N, C-alpha and C. Protein backbone atom coordinates (compact mmCIF):
# COMPACT_ATOMS: atom_id res chain seq x y z
N MET A 1 6.30 -33.45 13.40
CA MET A 1 5.28 -33.10 14.35
C MET A 1 4.81 -34.35 15.08
N LYS A 2 4.53 -34.19 16.33
CA LYS A 2 4.04 -35.30 17.14
C LYS A 2 2.55 -35.47 16.91
N ASN A 3 2.05 -36.64 17.30
CA ASN A 3 0.62 -36.87 17.19
C ASN A 3 -0.11 -35.92 18.13
N LYS A 4 -1.14 -35.33 17.62
CA LYS A 4 -1.93 -34.39 18.40
C LYS A 4 -3.32 -34.97 18.57
N THR A 5 -3.89 -34.68 19.69
CA THR A 5 -5.27 -35.10 19.87
C THR A 5 -6.13 -34.23 18.98
N ALA A 6 -7.24 -34.73 18.55
CA ALA A 6 -8.08 -34.03 17.57
C ALA A 6 -8.98 -33.01 18.22
N LYS A 7 -8.38 -32.02 18.86
CA LYS A 7 -9.17 -30.93 19.42
C LYS A 7 -9.37 -29.89 18.32
N PRO A 8 -10.51 -29.24 18.29
CA PRO A 8 -10.75 -28.25 17.23
C PRO A 8 -9.97 -26.96 17.49
N ILE A 9 -9.86 -26.18 16.45
CA ILE A 9 -9.24 -24.87 16.56
C ILE A 9 -10.22 -23.94 17.26
N ASP A 10 -9.73 -23.19 18.22
CA ASP A 10 -10.57 -22.26 18.96
C ASP A 10 -11.09 -21.21 17.98
N PRO A 11 -12.40 -21.17 17.70
CA PRO A 11 -12.94 -20.28 16.67
C PRO A 11 -12.82 -18.80 17.02
N GLU A 12 -12.79 -18.49 18.31
CA GLU A 12 -12.73 -17.08 18.70
C GLU A 12 -11.38 -16.47 18.41
N PHE A 13 -10.32 -17.22 18.61
CA PHE A 13 -8.98 -16.66 18.45
C PHE A 13 -8.20 -17.26 17.30
N GLY A 14 -8.72 -18.33 16.71
CA GLY A 14 -8.02 -18.96 15.61
C GLY A 14 -6.76 -19.69 16.07
N LEU A 15 -6.69 -20.05 17.36
CA LEU A 15 -5.53 -20.73 17.89
C LEU A 15 -5.73 -22.23 17.81
N ASP A 16 -4.67 -22.92 17.47
CA ASP A 16 -4.73 -24.36 17.41
C ASP A 16 -4.58 -24.89 18.84
N SER A 17 -5.62 -25.49 19.35
CA SER A 17 -5.60 -25.94 20.74
C SER A 17 -5.28 -27.43 20.85
N ARG A 18 -4.72 -28.02 19.81
CA ARG A 18 -4.40 -29.45 19.83
C ARG A 18 -3.08 -29.75 20.52
N TYR A 19 -2.30 -28.75 20.83
CA TYR A 19 -1.02 -28.98 21.47
C TYR A 19 -1.23 -29.31 22.94
N SER A 20 -0.47 -30.28 23.41
CA SER A 20 -0.61 -30.66 24.82
C SER A 20 0.36 -29.90 25.71
N SER A 21 1.36 -29.24 25.08
CA SER A 21 2.30 -28.44 25.88
C SER A 21 2.83 -27.27 25.06
N ASN A 22 3.36 -26.29 25.76
CA ASN A 22 3.96 -25.14 25.08
C ASN A 22 5.21 -25.55 24.31
N LEU A 23 5.94 -26.53 24.83
CA LEU A 23 7.14 -27.01 24.15
C LEU A 23 6.79 -27.60 22.79
N GLU A 24 5.72 -28.39 22.76
CA GLU A 24 5.26 -28.99 21.50
C GLU A 24 4.84 -27.89 20.52
N LYS A 25 4.14 -26.91 21.02
CA LYS A 25 3.69 -25.79 20.18
C LYS A 25 4.90 -25.02 19.64
N GLU A 26 5.87 -24.76 20.50
CA GLU A 26 7.06 -24.02 20.09
C GLU A 26 7.89 -24.81 19.09
N THR A 27 8.01 -26.10 19.27
CA THR A 27 8.76 -26.96 18.35
C THR A 27 8.12 -26.94 16.96
N ASP A 28 6.81 -27.07 16.91
CA ASP A 28 6.10 -27.01 15.63
C ASP A 28 6.25 -25.63 14.98
N SER A 29 6.22 -24.59 15.80
CA SER A 29 6.36 -23.23 15.29
C SER A 29 7.73 -23.05 14.65
N ILE A 30 8.76 -23.54 15.28
CA ILE A 30 10.13 -23.43 14.74
C ILE A 30 10.24 -24.23 13.44
N ALA A 31 9.66 -25.43 13.42
CA ALA A 31 9.71 -26.26 12.21
C ALA A 31 8.98 -25.58 11.05
N LEU A 32 7.84 -24.97 11.34
CA LEU A 32 7.09 -24.26 10.31
C LEU A 32 7.89 -23.07 9.77
N MET A 33 8.50 -22.30 10.67
CA MET A 33 9.30 -21.15 10.24
C MET A 33 10.47 -21.62 9.39
N GLN A 34 11.12 -22.71 9.77
CA GLN A 34 12.25 -23.22 8.99
C GLN A 34 11.79 -23.65 7.60
N ALA A 35 10.64 -24.29 7.52
CA ALA A 35 10.11 -24.71 6.22
C ALA A 35 9.81 -23.49 5.34
N ARG A 36 9.27 -22.44 5.95
CA ARG A 36 8.99 -21.21 5.19
C ARG A 36 10.29 -20.59 4.69
N LEU A 37 11.30 -20.53 5.55
CA LEU A 37 12.59 -19.95 5.14
C LEU A 37 13.24 -20.77 4.02
N ASP A 38 13.15 -22.09 4.14
CA ASP A 38 13.70 -22.95 3.08
C ASP A 38 13.00 -22.71 1.75
N ARG A 39 11.70 -22.54 1.81
CA ARG A 39 10.94 -22.28 0.58
C ARG A 39 11.31 -20.93 -0.02
N LEU A 40 11.48 -19.91 0.84
CA LEU A 40 11.86 -18.58 0.36
C LEU A 40 13.22 -18.60 -0.32
N LYS A 41 14.15 -19.40 0.19
CA LYS A 41 15.49 -19.47 -0.39
C LYS A 41 15.45 -20.00 -1.82
N ASN A 42 14.45 -20.78 -2.15
CA ASN A 42 14.37 -21.40 -3.47
C ASN A 42 13.58 -20.57 -4.48
N LEU A 43 13.07 -19.42 -4.07
CA LEU A 43 12.31 -18.58 -5.00
C LEU A 43 13.26 -17.83 -5.92
N SER A 44 12.86 -17.68 -7.16
CA SER A 44 13.66 -16.90 -8.12
C SER A 44 13.43 -15.41 -7.87
N LYS A 45 14.29 -14.61 -8.44
CA LYS A 45 14.16 -13.15 -8.32
C LYS A 45 12.82 -12.70 -8.90
N GLU A 46 12.41 -13.28 -10.01
CA GLU A 46 11.14 -12.93 -10.65
C GLU A 46 9.95 -13.28 -9.76
N GLN A 47 10.03 -14.42 -9.09
CA GLN A 47 8.95 -14.82 -8.18
C GLN A 47 8.84 -13.86 -6.99
N ILE A 48 9.97 -13.42 -6.50
CA ILE A 48 9.98 -12.47 -5.38
C ILE A 48 9.38 -11.14 -5.82
N ILE A 49 9.77 -10.65 -6.98
CA ILE A 49 9.22 -9.39 -7.51
C ILE A 49 7.72 -9.54 -7.72
N HIS A 50 7.32 -10.65 -8.29
CA HIS A 50 5.90 -10.93 -8.53
C HIS A 50 5.12 -10.86 -7.22
N ALA A 51 5.63 -11.52 -6.19
CA ALA A 51 4.95 -11.54 -4.88
C ALA A 51 4.90 -10.14 -4.27
N LYS A 52 5.98 -9.39 -4.38
CA LYS A 52 6.01 -8.04 -3.81
C LYS A 52 5.05 -7.11 -4.55
N LEU A 53 4.93 -7.27 -5.87
CA LEU A 53 3.99 -6.45 -6.63
C LEU A 53 2.55 -6.76 -6.24
N ILE A 54 2.24 -8.01 -6.05
CA ILE A 54 0.89 -8.38 -5.62
C ILE A 54 0.61 -7.81 -4.23
N GLN A 55 1.60 -7.90 -3.36
CA GLN A 55 1.45 -7.35 -2.01
C GLN A 55 1.21 -5.84 -2.07
N LEU A 56 1.95 -5.14 -2.91
CA LEU A 56 1.77 -3.70 -3.06
C LEU A 56 0.38 -3.38 -3.59
N LYS A 57 -0.06 -4.12 -4.59
CA LYS A 57 -1.40 -3.92 -5.15
C LYS A 57 -2.47 -4.07 -4.08
N LEU A 58 -2.35 -5.11 -3.26
CA LEU A 58 -3.32 -5.34 -2.20
C LEU A 58 -3.30 -4.23 -1.15
N LYS A 59 -2.12 -3.73 -0.83
CA LYS A 59 -2.01 -2.62 0.13
C LYS A 59 -2.65 -1.35 -0.44
N MET A 60 -2.46 -1.12 -1.73
CA MET A 60 -3.05 0.06 -2.37
C MET A 60 -4.58 -0.05 -2.35
N GLU A 61 -5.09 -1.21 -2.69
CA GLU A 61 -6.53 -1.42 -2.69
C GLU A 61 -7.11 -1.30 -1.28
N ASP A 62 -6.39 -1.80 -0.30
CA ASP A 62 -6.83 -1.69 1.09
C ASP A 62 -6.88 -0.23 1.52
N TYR A 63 -5.86 0.53 1.13
CA TYR A 63 -5.82 1.97 1.46
C TYR A 63 -7.05 2.68 0.90
N LEU A 64 -7.43 2.34 -0.31
CA LEU A 64 -8.57 2.99 -0.94
C LEU A 64 -9.91 2.57 -0.34
N SER A 65 -9.93 1.46 0.36
CA SER A 65 -11.19 0.93 0.88
C SER A 65 -11.65 1.60 2.17
N LYS A 66 -10.80 2.43 2.77
CA LYS A 66 -11.19 3.05 4.03
C LYS A 66 -10.57 4.44 4.15
N PRO A 67 -11.22 5.30 4.93
CA PRO A 67 -10.66 6.64 5.12
C PRO A 67 -9.42 6.59 6.02
N ASN A 68 -8.46 7.40 5.71
CA ASN A 68 -7.22 7.51 6.50
C ASN A 68 -7.01 8.98 6.83
N TYR A 69 -7.46 9.37 7.99
CA TYR A 69 -7.38 10.78 8.36
C TYR A 69 -6.08 11.09 9.09
N ASP A 70 -5.02 11.05 8.35
CA ASP A 70 -3.73 11.45 8.88
C ASP A 70 -3.00 12.21 7.79
N ASN A 71 -1.84 12.68 8.09
CA ASN A 71 -1.13 13.52 7.12
C ASN A 71 0.01 12.78 6.42
N ARG A 72 -0.07 11.46 6.34
CA ARG A 72 0.96 10.70 5.64
C ARG A 72 0.81 10.90 4.14
N ASN A 73 1.93 10.80 3.47
CA ASN A 73 1.95 10.92 2.01
C ASN A 73 1.93 9.50 1.42
N TYR A 74 0.72 8.94 1.35
CA TYR A 74 0.56 7.56 0.87
C TYR A 74 0.98 7.42 -0.58
N PHE A 75 0.66 8.41 -1.39
CA PHE A 75 1.04 8.34 -2.80
C PHE A 75 2.56 8.15 -2.91
N ALA A 76 3.31 8.95 -2.18
CA ALA A 76 4.78 8.85 -2.22
C ALA A 76 5.25 7.52 -1.63
N GLU A 77 4.60 7.05 -0.59
CA GLU A 77 4.99 5.77 0.01
C GLU A 77 4.78 4.62 -0.98
N PHE A 78 3.62 4.61 -1.63
CA PHE A 78 3.36 3.55 -2.60
C PHE A 78 4.28 3.66 -3.80
N LEU A 79 4.54 4.87 -4.24
CA LEU A 79 5.44 5.09 -5.36
C LEU A 79 6.85 4.61 -5.02
N THR A 80 7.32 4.97 -3.83
CA THR A 80 8.65 4.55 -3.40
C THR A 80 8.75 3.03 -3.35
N LYS A 81 7.74 2.39 -2.78
CA LYS A 81 7.73 0.93 -2.70
C LYS A 81 7.73 0.32 -4.10
N TYR A 82 6.93 0.87 -5.00
CA TYR A 82 6.86 0.40 -6.38
C TYR A 82 8.24 0.48 -7.04
N ILE A 83 8.89 1.61 -6.87
CA ILE A 83 10.21 1.80 -7.48
C ILE A 83 11.22 0.82 -6.88
N GLU A 84 11.19 0.67 -5.57
CA GLU A 84 12.17 -0.19 -4.90
C GLU A 84 11.97 -1.67 -5.25
N ILE A 85 10.77 -2.06 -5.58
CA ILE A 85 10.53 -3.44 -6.01
C ILE A 85 11.18 -3.70 -7.36
N LEU A 86 11.12 -2.71 -8.24
CA LEU A 86 11.55 -2.91 -9.63
C LEU A 86 12.96 -2.43 -9.95
N TYR A 87 13.46 -1.46 -9.21
CA TYR A 87 14.73 -0.84 -9.56
C TYR A 87 15.69 -0.83 -8.37
N THR A 88 16.97 -0.84 -8.68
CA THR A 88 17.96 -0.70 -7.61
C THR A 88 18.23 0.77 -7.32
N LYS A 89 17.97 1.63 -8.30
CA LYS A 89 18.19 3.07 -8.13
C LYS A 89 16.98 3.85 -8.63
N HIS A 90 16.63 4.89 -7.92
CA HIS A 90 15.54 5.77 -8.34
C HIS A 90 15.88 6.45 -9.67
N LEU A 91 17.15 6.67 -9.90
CA LEU A 91 17.61 7.30 -11.13
C LEU A 91 17.18 6.51 -12.36
N ASP A 92 17.25 5.19 -12.28
CA ASP A 92 16.86 4.34 -13.42
C ASP A 92 15.37 4.45 -13.70
N PHE A 93 14.57 4.54 -12.64
CA PHE A 93 13.13 4.72 -12.81
C PHE A 93 12.85 6.07 -13.47
N ALA A 94 13.52 7.12 -12.99
CA ALA A 94 13.35 8.45 -13.56
C ALA A 94 13.69 8.45 -15.06
N LYS A 95 14.75 7.76 -15.41
CA LYS A 95 15.13 7.66 -16.83
C LYS A 95 14.04 6.96 -17.63
N ASP A 96 13.51 5.86 -17.09
CA ASP A 96 12.47 5.12 -17.80
C ASP A 96 11.20 5.95 -17.99
N LEU A 97 10.93 6.86 -17.08
CA LEU A 97 9.74 7.72 -17.20
C LEU A 97 10.05 9.04 -17.91
N ASN A 98 11.32 9.23 -18.26
CA ASN A 98 11.75 10.45 -18.91
C ASN A 98 11.42 11.69 -18.07
N ILE A 99 11.79 11.60 -16.80
CA ILE A 99 11.63 12.74 -15.89
C ILE A 99 12.98 12.96 -15.20
N SER A 100 13.16 14.12 -14.61
CA SER A 100 14.42 14.38 -13.93
C SER A 100 14.41 13.69 -12.56
N PRO A 101 15.56 13.19 -12.16
CA PRO A 101 15.66 12.57 -10.83
C PRO A 101 15.30 13.55 -9.72
N ASN A 102 15.59 14.82 -9.94
CA ASN A 102 15.27 15.86 -8.97
C ASN A 102 13.75 15.98 -8.79
N TYR A 103 13.03 15.97 -9.89
CA TYR A 103 11.56 16.06 -9.84
C TYR A 103 10.99 14.84 -9.10
N LEU A 104 11.50 13.66 -9.42
CA LEU A 104 11.05 12.44 -8.74
C LEU A 104 11.32 12.52 -7.25
N SER A 105 12.50 12.99 -6.89
CA SER A 105 12.87 13.12 -5.48
C SER A 105 11.93 14.08 -4.76
N LYS A 106 11.57 15.17 -5.40
CA LYS A 106 10.68 16.15 -4.78
C LYS A 106 9.28 15.57 -4.57
N ILE A 107 8.82 14.75 -5.49
CA ILE A 107 7.51 14.09 -5.33
C ILE A 107 7.56 13.11 -4.17
N ILE A 108 8.59 12.29 -4.16
CA ILE A 108 8.73 11.27 -3.12
C ILE A 108 8.85 11.90 -1.73
N ASN A 109 9.55 13.01 -1.64
CA ASN A 109 9.77 13.65 -0.35
C ASN A 109 8.70 14.68 0.02
N GLY A 110 7.69 14.81 -0.81
CA GLY A 110 6.56 15.67 -0.50
C GLY A 110 6.78 17.15 -0.73
N TYR A 111 7.80 17.51 -1.49
CA TYR A 111 8.06 18.92 -1.77
C TYR A 111 7.30 19.42 -3.00
N ARG A 112 6.83 18.48 -3.83
CA ARG A 112 6.06 18.85 -5.02
C ARG A 112 4.91 17.88 -5.19
N GLU A 113 3.85 18.41 -5.75
CA GLU A 113 2.71 17.58 -6.13
C GLU A 113 3.02 16.98 -7.50
N PRO A 114 2.64 15.75 -7.72
CA PRO A 114 2.86 15.18 -9.06
C PRO A 114 1.95 15.85 -10.09
N LYS A 115 2.50 16.16 -11.23
CA LYS A 115 1.70 16.72 -12.31
C LYS A 115 0.92 15.59 -12.97
N GLU A 116 -0.11 15.96 -13.70
CA GLU A 116 -0.93 14.96 -14.37
C GLU A 116 -0.09 14.10 -15.30
N GLU A 117 0.84 14.69 -16.01
CA GLU A 117 1.68 13.94 -16.94
C GLU A 117 2.46 12.85 -16.20
N PHE A 118 2.94 13.16 -15.01
CA PHE A 118 3.67 12.17 -14.22
C PHE A 118 2.75 11.00 -13.85
N ILE A 119 1.55 11.31 -13.40
CA ILE A 119 0.61 10.25 -13.03
C ILE A 119 0.26 9.40 -14.25
N LEU A 120 0.11 10.04 -15.40
CA LEU A 120 -0.17 9.29 -16.63
C LEU A 120 0.99 8.34 -16.96
N LYS A 121 2.21 8.82 -16.78
CA LYS A 121 3.38 7.99 -17.07
C LYS A 121 3.45 6.79 -16.13
N ILE A 122 3.22 7.03 -14.85
CA ILE A 122 3.28 5.91 -13.90
C ILE A 122 2.11 4.95 -14.13
N MET A 123 1.00 5.49 -14.56
CA MET A 123 -0.16 4.66 -14.89
C MET A 123 0.20 3.68 -16.02
N LEU A 124 0.79 4.19 -17.08
CA LEU A 124 1.17 3.34 -18.21
C LEU A 124 2.30 2.37 -17.83
N HIS A 125 3.26 2.87 -17.06
CA HIS A 125 4.37 2.03 -16.63
C HIS A 125 3.86 0.85 -15.81
N SER A 126 3.03 1.13 -14.81
CA SER A 126 2.53 0.06 -13.95
C SER A 126 1.58 -0.86 -14.71
N GLY A 127 0.87 -0.32 -15.68
CA GLY A 127 0.01 -1.18 -16.50
C GLY A 127 0.82 -2.23 -17.23
N LYS A 128 1.99 -1.83 -17.75
CA LYS A 128 2.86 -2.78 -18.44
C LYS A 128 3.51 -3.76 -17.47
N ILE A 129 3.91 -3.26 -16.32
CA ILE A 129 4.56 -4.11 -15.32
C ILE A 129 3.60 -5.17 -14.79
N PHE A 130 2.39 -4.77 -14.49
CA PHE A 130 1.41 -5.69 -13.89
C PHE A 130 0.72 -6.58 -14.92
N GLU A 131 0.98 -6.34 -16.18
CA GLU A 131 0.32 -7.07 -17.26
C GLU A 131 0.38 -8.59 -17.06
N ASN A 132 1.53 -9.10 -16.66
CA ASN A 132 1.70 -10.54 -16.48
C ASN A 132 1.74 -10.96 -15.01
N VAL A 133 1.39 -10.05 -14.13
CA VAL A 133 1.46 -10.34 -12.70
C VAL A 133 0.08 -10.58 -12.13
N ALA A 134 -0.77 -9.58 -12.24
CA ALA A 134 -2.12 -9.65 -11.66
C ALA A 134 -2.96 -8.58 -12.32
N SER A 135 -4.27 -8.70 -12.15
CA SER A 135 -5.13 -7.64 -12.68
C SER A 135 -4.84 -6.37 -11.87
N PHE A 136 -4.63 -5.30 -12.56
CA PHE A 136 -4.24 -4.04 -11.92
C PHE A 136 -4.93 -2.91 -12.66
N GLN A 137 -5.72 -2.16 -11.92
CA GLN A 137 -6.41 -1.04 -12.55
C GLN A 137 -5.46 0.15 -12.58
N LYS A 138 -5.13 0.57 -13.77
CA LYS A 138 -4.16 1.65 -13.94
C LYS A 138 -4.60 2.93 -13.22
N ARG A 139 -5.89 3.14 -13.12
CA ARG A 139 -6.38 4.38 -12.50
C ARG A 139 -6.11 4.43 -11.00
N ILE A 140 -5.58 3.36 -10.43
CA ILE A 140 -5.36 3.30 -8.99
C ILE A 140 -4.42 4.41 -8.52
N TRP A 141 -3.48 4.83 -9.37
CA TRP A 141 -2.56 5.91 -8.97
C TRP A 141 -3.34 7.22 -8.81
N TYR A 142 -4.28 7.49 -9.72
CA TYR A 142 -5.13 8.67 -9.57
C TYR A 142 -5.98 8.55 -8.32
N GLN A 143 -6.55 7.38 -8.11
CA GLN A 143 -7.42 7.17 -6.97
C GLN A 143 -6.67 7.37 -5.65
N ILE A 144 -5.45 6.88 -5.58
CA ILE A 144 -4.66 7.06 -4.36
C ILE A 144 -4.35 8.54 -4.15
N TYR A 145 -3.95 9.20 -5.22
CA TYR A 145 -3.61 10.62 -5.11
C TYR A 145 -4.81 11.43 -4.60
N PHE A 146 -5.97 11.24 -5.20
CA PHE A 146 -7.14 12.03 -4.80
C PHE A 146 -7.74 11.56 -3.48
N HIS A 147 -7.67 10.28 -3.20
CA HIS A 147 -8.14 9.78 -1.90
C HIS A 147 -7.32 10.41 -0.78
N GLU A 148 -6.02 10.50 -1.00
CA GLU A 148 -5.14 11.14 -0.02
C GLU A 148 -5.49 12.61 0.16
N LYS A 149 -5.77 13.30 -0.93
CA LYS A 149 -6.13 14.72 -0.85
C LYS A 149 -7.42 14.91 -0.04
N ILE A 150 -8.41 14.07 -0.32
CA ILE A 150 -9.68 14.16 0.40
C ILE A 150 -9.48 13.87 1.88
N CYS A 151 -8.77 12.80 2.17
CA CYS A 151 -8.54 12.42 3.57
C CYS A 151 -7.74 13.48 4.33
N ASN A 152 -6.72 14.04 3.68
CA ASN A 152 -5.93 15.09 4.33
C ASN A 152 -6.76 16.35 4.56
N THR A 153 -7.61 16.69 3.62
CA THR A 153 -8.48 17.86 3.79
C THR A 153 -9.42 17.64 4.97
N MET A 154 -9.98 16.46 5.07
CA MET A 154 -10.88 16.17 6.18
C MET A 154 -10.13 16.12 7.51
N ALA A 155 -8.91 15.66 7.50
CA ALA A 155 -8.11 15.59 8.72
C ALA A 155 -7.75 16.98 9.24
N LYS A 156 -7.64 17.94 8.34
CA LYS A 156 -7.26 19.30 8.71
C LYS A 156 -8.46 20.23 8.89
N GLN A 157 -9.66 19.68 9.02
CA GLN A 157 -10.88 20.49 9.13
C GLN A 157 -10.81 21.52 10.25
N ASP A 158 -10.22 21.14 11.36
CA ASP A 158 -10.16 22.05 12.50
C ASP A 158 -9.42 23.35 12.16
N SER A 159 -8.48 23.28 11.24
CA SER A 159 -7.73 24.49 10.89
C SER A 159 -8.40 25.33 9.82
N TRP A 160 -9.04 24.72 8.82
CA TRP A 160 -9.61 25.50 7.73
C TRP A 160 -11.09 25.81 7.91
N ARG A 161 -11.83 24.98 8.60
CA ARG A 161 -13.28 25.12 8.68
C ARG A 161 -13.76 26.43 9.33
N PRO A 162 -13.22 26.83 10.49
CA PRO A 162 -13.71 28.08 11.09
C PRO A 162 -13.56 29.30 10.18
N LEU A 163 -12.44 29.40 9.51
CA LEU A 163 -12.20 30.53 8.62
C LEU A 163 -13.16 30.51 7.44
N ILE A 164 -13.37 29.38 6.85
CA ILE A 164 -14.26 29.26 5.69
C ILE A 164 -15.71 29.49 6.10
N GLU A 165 -16.11 28.96 7.25
CA GLU A 165 -17.50 29.13 7.70
C GLU A 165 -17.83 30.61 7.91
N LYS A 166 -16.86 31.40 8.34
CA LYS A 166 -17.09 32.84 8.54
C LYS A 166 -17.38 33.54 7.22
N GLN A 167 -16.91 32.99 6.11
CA GLN A 167 -17.07 33.61 4.80
C GLN A 167 -18.38 33.21 4.12
N ILE A 168 -19.06 32.24 4.65
CA ILE A 168 -20.29 31.73 4.02
C ILE A 168 -21.51 32.33 4.69
N LYS A 169 -22.42 32.79 3.85
CA LYS A 169 -23.70 33.33 4.36
C LYS A 169 -24.84 32.63 3.65
N LEU A 170 -25.93 32.44 4.35
CA LEU A 170 -27.10 31.81 3.78
C LEU A 170 -28.28 32.77 3.88
N THR A 171 -28.14 33.93 3.26
CA THR A 171 -29.17 34.95 3.37
C THR A 171 -30.36 34.74 2.45
N THR A 172 -30.14 34.21 1.27
CA THR A 172 -31.25 34.08 0.32
C THR A 172 -31.86 32.69 0.28
N LEU A 173 -31.28 31.76 0.94
CA LEU A 173 -31.75 30.39 0.90
C LEU A 173 -32.66 30.12 2.10
N LYS A 174 -33.87 29.64 1.81
CA LYS A 174 -34.81 29.27 2.87
C LYS A 174 -35.22 27.84 2.64
N VAL A 175 -34.94 27.01 3.63
CA VAL A 175 -35.25 25.60 3.57
C VAL A 175 -36.33 25.31 4.59
N ASN A 176 -37.42 24.70 4.12
CA ASN A 176 -38.52 24.36 5.05
C ASN A 176 -38.38 22.99 5.59
């Protein structure tokens, strides 16, 4: 890197304004990317899995921190990502959980709801996996499943609310 004048970082955008030209900025950017790629090449398989698991955990926690009013199957997305981080084949994961590959496929593709026993199994499995990686609350799988149900119900209010409201009467209740 060339000597840069000591201009501060623009606080509004977080941009480094010390570069005197776009060429200098681009050269530093390429050097930084190359250094990152070189570092990635030297990571072990275990380090990569560790990093991906932490990333997944953070994404799951972020999902739970805010409402998501869409019809995506987040539980299946997180489950798929979890499996792909740890296994080369979904079949091996199904064997480890003692479930049929067909049942797992139906959960992942949204054709079946996971049974409580399945969630308990994944809870215990992930608890063991994350034991030496990061703090991981096993109940997060339940939280994701029910958070998704609540968000999907709220997202579909326009379809179910009129019908349900017609069935509700407030004849005996008087509120002052």
